[in-house]
Amino acid sequence: RGTYLKEGICGIKRSGTAKVSVSGTTTAHSICDKVKVGVYLNESSNGGSSYGTVGSYYFSENNTTSCHGSKADISVTLGRKYYVSAGHSVTKGSVIEMMDTRTDALTAS
């Protein structure tokens, strides 16, 4: 959180058999030059002991107060754990403010 960056959120949900949908939103307190969100889908093949990024999705808006992006029906592997992390940033003049968020893990079914 900062002078311009208000909040960041991200999400993951099941959207069918062996499919998930992911999303991310960045919100600013006031109109900024650039508002961005990068959404990362992370997968564990060992029950959650370690994760690797298997998908990256980037969204950007200019001269606005928010940026939302989503990707639907991503194919995943049954039984594996997944979570979403997101990087949020706003740019106003020479000032860049950033924050990270993440979801809890879910098991693909």
N, C-alpha and C. Protein backbone atom coordinates (compact mmCIF):
# COMPACT_ATOMS: atom_id res chain seq x y z
N ARG A 1 0.85 -1.19 0.00
CA ARG A 1 0.00 0.00 0.00
C ARG A 1 0.89 1.25 0.00
N GLY A 2 0.38 2.31 -0.57
CA GLY A 2 1.21 3.49 -0.61
C GLY A 2 0.40 4.74 -0.91
N THR A 3 1.10 5.75 -1.38
CA THR A 3 0.46 7.01 -1.71
C THR A 3 -0.55 6.84 -2.84
N TYR A 4 -0.18 6.02 -3.83
CA TYR A 4 -1.04 5.81 -5.00
C TYR A 4 -1.66 4.42 -5.04
N LEU A 5 -0.90 3.40 -4.61
CA LEU A 5 -1.38 2.02 -4.66
C LEU A 5 -2.35 1.77 -3.51
N LYS A 6 -3.58 1.44 -3.86
CA LYS A 6 -4.61 1.23 -2.83
C LYS A 6 -4.65 -0.24 -2.40
N GLU A 7 -4.87 -1.15 -3.36
CA GLU A 7 -4.90 -2.56 -3.00
C GLU A 7 -4.67 -3.44 -4.21
N GLY A 8 -4.30 -4.68 -3.92
CA GLY A 8 -4.16 -5.70 -4.94
C GLY A 8 -4.82 -6.97 -4.45
N ILE A 9 -5.50 -7.64 -5.36
CA ILE A 9 -6.12 -8.92 -5.04
C ILE A 9 -5.89 -9.90 -6.19
N CYS A 10 -5.91 -11.17 -5.87
CA CYS A 10 -5.82 -12.19 -6.91
C CYS A 10 -6.68 -13.37 -6.51
N GLY A 11 -7.02 -14.20 -7.48
CA GLY A 11 -7.92 -15.31 -7.20
C GLY A 11 -7.67 -16.50 -8.11
N ILE A 12 -8.13 -17.66 -7.63
CA ILE A 12 -8.11 -18.89 -8.41
C ILE A 12 -9.36 -19.66 -8.06
N LYS A 13 -9.99 -20.27 -9.07
CA LYS A 13 -11.16 -21.10 -8.81
C LYS A 13 -11.25 -22.21 -9.84
N ARG A 14 -11.88 -23.29 -9.42
CA ARG A 14 -12.11 -24.40 -10.34
C ARG A 14 -13.14 -23.96 -11.38
N SER A 15 -12.91 -24.33 -12.64
CA SER A 15 -13.85 -23.93 -13.69
C SER A 15 -14.25 -25.11 -14.56
N GLY A 16 -14.10 -26.33 -14.00
CA GLY A 16 -14.44 -27.53 -14.75
C GLY A 16 -13.45 -28.62 -14.39
N THR A 17 -13.66 -29.79 -14.92
CA THR A 17 -12.77 -30.90 -14.64
C THR A 17 -11.37 -30.60 -15.17
N ALA A 18 -10.39 -30.61 -14.27
CA ALA A 18 -8.99 -30.34 -14.61
C ALA A 18 -8.82 -28.98 -15.27
N LYS A 19 -9.63 -28.01 -14.82
CA LYS A 19 -9.49 -26.64 -15.32
C LYS A 19 -9.62 -25.64 -14.17
N VAL A 20 -8.86 -24.55 -14.25
CA VAL A 20 -8.99 -23.46 -13.29
C VAL A 20 -9.05 -22.14 -14.04
N SER A 21 -9.60 -21.14 -13.35
CA SER A 21 -9.57 -19.76 -13.85
C SER A 21 -8.83 -18.92 -12.83
N VAL A 22 -8.04 -17.94 -13.33
CA VAL A 22 -7.24 -17.10 -12.46
C VAL A 22 -7.55 -15.63 -12.75
N SER A 23 -7.30 -14.78 -11.76
CA SER A 23 -7.58 -13.35 -11.96
C SER A 23 -6.72 -12.52 -11.04
N GLY A 24 -6.62 -11.24 -11.37
CA GLY A 24 -5.90 -10.30 -10.53
C GLY A 24 -6.41 -8.89 -10.78
N THR A 25 -6.41 -8.07 -9.74
CA THR A 25 -6.85 -6.68 -9.84
C THR A 25 -5.92 -5.78 -9.03
N THR A 26 -5.56 -4.67 -9.62
CA THR A 26 -4.80 -3.63 -8.93
C THR A 26 -5.65 -2.37 -8.90
N THR A 27 -5.73 -1.73 -7.74
CA THR A 27 -6.53 -0.51 -7.59
C THR A 27 -5.66 0.61 -7.03
N ALA A 28 -5.81 1.80 -7.62
CA ALA A 28 -5.08 2.98 -7.16
C ALA A 28 -6.03 3.94 -6.45
N HIS A 29 -5.45 4.79 -5.59
CA HIS A 29 -6.24 5.80 -4.88
C HIS A 29 -6.76 6.88 -5.83
N SER A 30 -5.97 7.17 -6.88
CA SER A 30 -6.33 8.21 -7.84
C SER A 30 -5.82 7.80 -9.22
N ILE A 31 -6.18 8.55 -10.24
CA ILE A 31 -5.77 8.21 -11.59
C ILE A 31 -4.24 8.21 -11.70
N CYS A 32 -3.72 7.11 -12.23
CA CYS A 32 -2.28 6.95 -12.39
C CYS A 32 -1.92 6.79 -13.86
N ASP A 33 -0.65 7.06 -14.18
CA ASP A 33 -0.20 6.93 -15.56
C ASP A 33 -0.33 5.49 -16.06
N LYS A 34 0.02 4.55 -15.19
CA LYS A 34 -0.05 3.14 -15.56
C LYS A 34 -0.42 2.30 -14.34
N VAL A 35 -1.34 1.36 -14.53
CA VAL A 35 -1.74 0.43 -13.48
C VAL A 35 -1.58 -0.97 -14.06
N LYS A 36 -0.84 -1.83 -13.36
CA LYS A 36 -0.52 -3.14 -13.91
C LYS A 36 -0.77 -4.26 -12.91
N VAL A 37 -1.04 -5.44 -13.45
CA VAL A 37 -1.08 -6.66 -12.63
C VAL A 37 -0.50 -7.81 -13.45
N GLY A 38 0.37 -8.56 -12.80
CA GLY A 38 0.90 -9.79 -13.38
C GLY A 38 0.40 -10.96 -12.54
N VAL A 39 -0.24 -11.93 -13.19
CA VAL A 39 -0.86 -13.06 -12.50
C VAL A 39 -0.08 -14.33 -12.85
N TYR A 40 0.31 -15.07 -11.80
CA TYR A 40 1.16 -16.26 -12.00
C TYR A 40 0.48 -17.49 -11.41
N LEU A 41 0.33 -18.52 -12.24
CA LEU A 41 -0.23 -19.79 -11.79
C LEU A 41 0.92 -20.70 -11.40
N ASN A 42 0.87 -21.20 -10.17
CA ASN A 42 1.95 -22.01 -9.62
C ASN A 42 1.44 -23.42 -9.32
N GLU A 43 2.26 -24.42 -9.66
CA GLU A 43 1.86 -25.83 -9.55
C GLU A 43 2.84 -26.60 -8.69
N SER A 44 2.30 -27.50 -7.87
CA SER A 44 3.14 -28.42 -7.11
C SER A 44 2.82 -29.85 -7.53
N SER A 45 3.88 -30.62 -7.83
CA SER A 45 3.70 -32.03 -8.18
C SER A 45 4.06 -32.93 -7.01
N ASN A 46 4.39 -32.32 -5.84
CA ASN A 46 4.80 -33.13 -4.68
C ASN A 46 3.96 -32.79 -3.45
N GLY A 47 2.69 -32.51 -3.67
CA GLY A 47 1.77 -32.32 -2.55
C GLY A 47 1.89 -30.98 -1.85
N GLY A 48 2.57 -30.02 -2.47
CA GLY A 48 2.67 -28.70 -1.88
C GLY A 48 4.00 -28.39 -1.23
N SER A 49 4.96 -29.32 -1.31
CA SER A 49 6.27 -29.07 -0.71
C SER A 49 7.02 -27.98 -1.46
N SER A 50 6.87 -27.96 -2.78
CA SER A 50 7.50 -26.92 -3.60
C SER A 50 6.62 -26.65 -4.82
N TYR A 51 6.75 -25.44 -5.32
CA TYR A 51 5.92 -25.00 -6.45
C TYR A 51 6.79 -24.41 -7.55
N GLY A 52 6.29 -24.51 -8.77
CA GLY A 52 6.91 -23.85 -9.91
C GLY A 52 5.84 -23.12 -10.70
N THR A 53 6.22 -22.04 -11.34
CA THR A 53 5.26 -21.25 -12.12
C THR A 53 5.01 -21.92 -13.47
N VAL A 54 3.74 -22.15 -13.79
CA VAL A 54 3.38 -22.83 -15.04
C VAL A 54 2.58 -21.93 -15.98
N GLY A 55 2.25 -20.73 -15.53
CA GLY A 55 1.54 -19.79 -16.39
C GLY A 55 1.71 -18.37 -15.90
N SER A 56 1.90 -17.43 -16.82
CA SER A 56 2.07 -16.01 -16.48
C SER A 56 1.18 -15.18 -17.40
N TYR A 57 0.44 -14.26 -16.80
CA TYR A 57 -0.51 -13.45 -17.55
C TYR A 57 -0.38 -12.00 -17.11
N TYR A 58 -0.21 -11.10 -18.07
CA TYR A 58 0.10 -9.70 -17.76
C TYR A 58 -0.98 -8.77 -18.30
N PHE A 59 -1.37 -7.81 -17.47
CA PHE A 59 -2.42 -6.87 -17.84
C PHE A 59 -1.99 -5.47 -17.44
N SER A 60 -2.31 -4.48 -18.27
CA SER A 60 -1.89 -3.11 -18.02
C SER A 60 -2.92 -2.14 -18.56
N GLU A 61 -3.15 -1.06 -17.82
CA GLU A 61 -4.05 0.00 -18.26
C GLU A 61 -3.37 1.35 -18.03
N ASN A 62 -3.63 2.30 -18.91
CA ASN A 62 -3.06 3.64 -18.80
C ASN A 62 -4.10 4.66 -18.36
N ASN A 63 -3.65 5.65 -17.58
CA ASN A 63 -4.49 6.78 -17.16
C ASN A 63 -5.82 6.32 -16.56
N THR A 64 -5.72 5.52 -15.50
CA THR A 64 -6.90 4.95 -14.87
C THR A 64 -6.63 4.71 -13.39
N THR A 65 -7.65 4.22 -12.70
CA THR A 65 -7.49 3.92 -11.27
C THR A 65 -7.45 2.42 -10.99
N SER A 66 -7.69 1.57 -12.01
CA SER A 66 -7.68 0.13 -11.74
C SER A 66 -7.36 -0.66 -12.99
N CYS A 67 -6.88 -1.86 -12.76
CA CYS A 67 -6.59 -2.79 -13.84
C CYS A 67 -7.00 -4.18 -13.37
N HIS A 68 -7.84 -4.83 -14.16
CA HIS A 68 -8.28 -6.19 -13.85
C HIS A 68 -7.96 -7.09 -15.04
N GLY A 69 -7.51 -8.29 -14.75
CA GLY A 69 -7.26 -9.26 -15.81
C GLY A 69 -7.60 -10.65 -15.33
N SER A 70 -8.02 -11.48 -16.26
CA SER A 70 -8.33 -12.87 -15.91
C SER A 70 -8.06 -13.78 -17.09
N LYS A 71 -7.85 -15.04 -16.78
CA LYS A 71 -7.66 -16.08 -17.79
C LYS A 71 -8.50 -17.26 -17.36
N ALA A 72 -9.41 -17.68 -18.23
CA ALA A 72 -10.37 -18.73 -17.87
C ALA A 72 -9.97 -20.09 -18.46
N ASP A 73 -10.44 -21.13 -17.79
CA ASP A 73 -10.36 -22.50 -18.30
C ASP A 73 -8.94 -22.93 -18.70
N ILE A 74 -8.02 -22.72 -17.78
CA ILE A 74 -6.65 -23.19 -17.97
C ILE A 74 -6.59 -24.67 -17.61
N SER A 75 -6.06 -25.48 -18.49
CA SER A 75 -5.96 -26.91 -18.23
C SER A 75 -4.88 -27.19 -17.20
N VAL A 76 -5.21 -28.00 -16.19
CA VAL A 76 -4.27 -28.36 -15.14
C VAL A 76 -4.30 -29.88 -14.95
N THR A 77 -3.42 -30.36 -14.08
CA THR A 77 -3.30 -31.80 -13.87
C THR A 77 -4.09 -32.22 -12.63
N LEU A 78 -4.97 -33.19 -12.79
CA LEU A 78 -5.79 -33.67 -11.68
C LEU A 78 -4.92 -34.10 -10.50
N GLY A 79 -5.32 -33.69 -9.30
CA GLY A 79 -4.64 -34.10 -8.09
C GLY A 79 -3.48 -33.23 -7.67
N ARG A 80 -3.04 -32.36 -8.55
CA ARG A 80 -1.93 -31.47 -8.19
C ARG A 80 -2.46 -30.20 -7.52
N LYS A 81 -1.60 -29.59 -6.71
CA LYS A 81 -1.99 -28.37 -6.00
C LYS A 81 -1.57 -27.14 -6.81
N TYR A 82 -2.41 -26.13 -6.76
CA TYR A 82 -2.17 -24.89 -7.49
C TYR A 82 -2.50 -23.68 -6.61
N TYR A 83 -1.73 -22.63 -6.78
CA TYR A 83 -2.12 -21.35 -6.20
C TYR A 83 -1.73 -20.24 -7.17
N VAL A 84 -2.30 -19.07 -6.96
CA VAL A 84 -2.00 -17.91 -7.78
C VAL A 84 -1.25 -16.88 -6.94
N SER A 85 -0.22 -16.31 -7.53
CA SER A 85 0.44 -15.14 -6.95
C SER A 85 0.32 -14.01 -7.96
N ALA A 86 0.39 -12.77 -7.47
CA ALA A 86 0.25 -11.63 -8.37
C ALA A 86 1.18 -10.51 -7.94
N GLY A 87 1.70 -9.80 -8.93
CA GLY A 87 2.49 -8.62 -8.69
C GLY A 87 1.69 -7.41 -9.17
N HIS A 88 1.51 -6.46 -8.29
CA HIS A 88 0.69 -5.29 -8.58
C HIS A 88 1.58 -4.05 -8.60
N SER A 89 1.37 -3.15 -9.54
CA SER A 89 2.14 -1.92 -9.55
C SER A 89 1.34 -0.76 -10.14
N VAL A 90 1.63 0.43 -9.63
CA VAL A 90 1.08 1.65 -10.20
C VAL A 90 2.24 2.62 -10.41
N THR A 91 2.14 3.38 -11.50
CA THR A 91 3.14 4.38 -11.84
C THR A 91 2.48 5.74 -11.94
N LYS A 92 3.03 6.71 -11.22
CA LYS A 92 2.55 8.09 -11.29
C LYS A 92 3.77 8.98 -11.40
N GLY A 93 3.98 9.55 -12.59
CA GLY A 93 5.19 10.32 -12.82
C GLY A 93 6.41 9.43 -12.67
N SER A 94 7.32 9.80 -11.77
CA SER A 94 8.54 9.01 -11.57
C SER A 94 8.40 8.03 -10.40
N VAL A 95 7.20 7.99 -9.81
CA VAL A 95 6.98 7.12 -8.64
C VAL A 95 6.36 5.80 -9.08
N ILE A 96 6.97 4.69 -8.65
CA ILE A 96 6.42 3.36 -8.89
C ILE A 96 6.21 2.70 -7.54
N GLU A 97 4.98 2.24 -7.29
CA GLU A 97 4.68 1.52 -6.05
C GLU A 97 4.24 0.11 -6.40
N MET A 98 4.69 -0.87 -5.60
CA MET A 98 4.44 -2.28 -5.91
C MET A 98 4.04 -3.06 -4.67
N MET A 99 3.30 -4.11 -4.88
CA MET A 99 3.00 -5.07 -3.82
C MET A 99 2.72 -6.42 -4.44
N ASP A 100 2.80 -7.48 -3.63
CA ASP A 100 2.53 -8.84 -4.07
C ASP A 100 1.40 -9.44 -3.25
N THR A 101 0.61 -10.29 -3.88
CA THR A 101 -0.43 -11.03 -3.18
C THR A 101 -0.39 -12.48 -3.63
N ARG A 102 -1.06 -13.34 -2.87
CA ARG A 102 -1.18 -14.75 -3.26
C ARG A 102 -2.44 -15.34 -2.67
N THR A 103 -2.87 -16.42 -3.27
CA THR A 103 -4.05 -17.14 -2.78
C THR A 103 -3.63 -18.35 -1.98
N ASP A 104 -4.59 -18.98 -1.32
CA ASP A 104 -4.37 -20.30 -0.76
C ASP A 104 -4.30 -21.30 -1.91
N ALA A 105 -3.77 -22.47 -1.63
CA ALA A 105 -3.67 -23.51 -2.65
C ALA A 105 -4.97 -24.31 -2.73
N LEU A 106 -5.27 -24.78 -3.94
CA LEU A 106 -6.38 -25.73 -4.12
C LEU A 106 -5.86 -26.93 -4.90
N THR A 107 -6.58 -28.04 -4.76
CA THR A 107 -6.21 -29.25 -5.47
C THR A 107 -7.09 -29.39 -6.70
N ALA A 108 -6.48 -29.57 -7.86
CA ALA A 108 -7.24 -29.71 -9.09
C ALA A 108 -8.10 -30.96 -9.05
N SER A 109 -9.36 -30.80 -9.44
CA SER A 109 -10.27 -31.94 -9.44
C SER A 109 -11.20 -31.87 -10.64
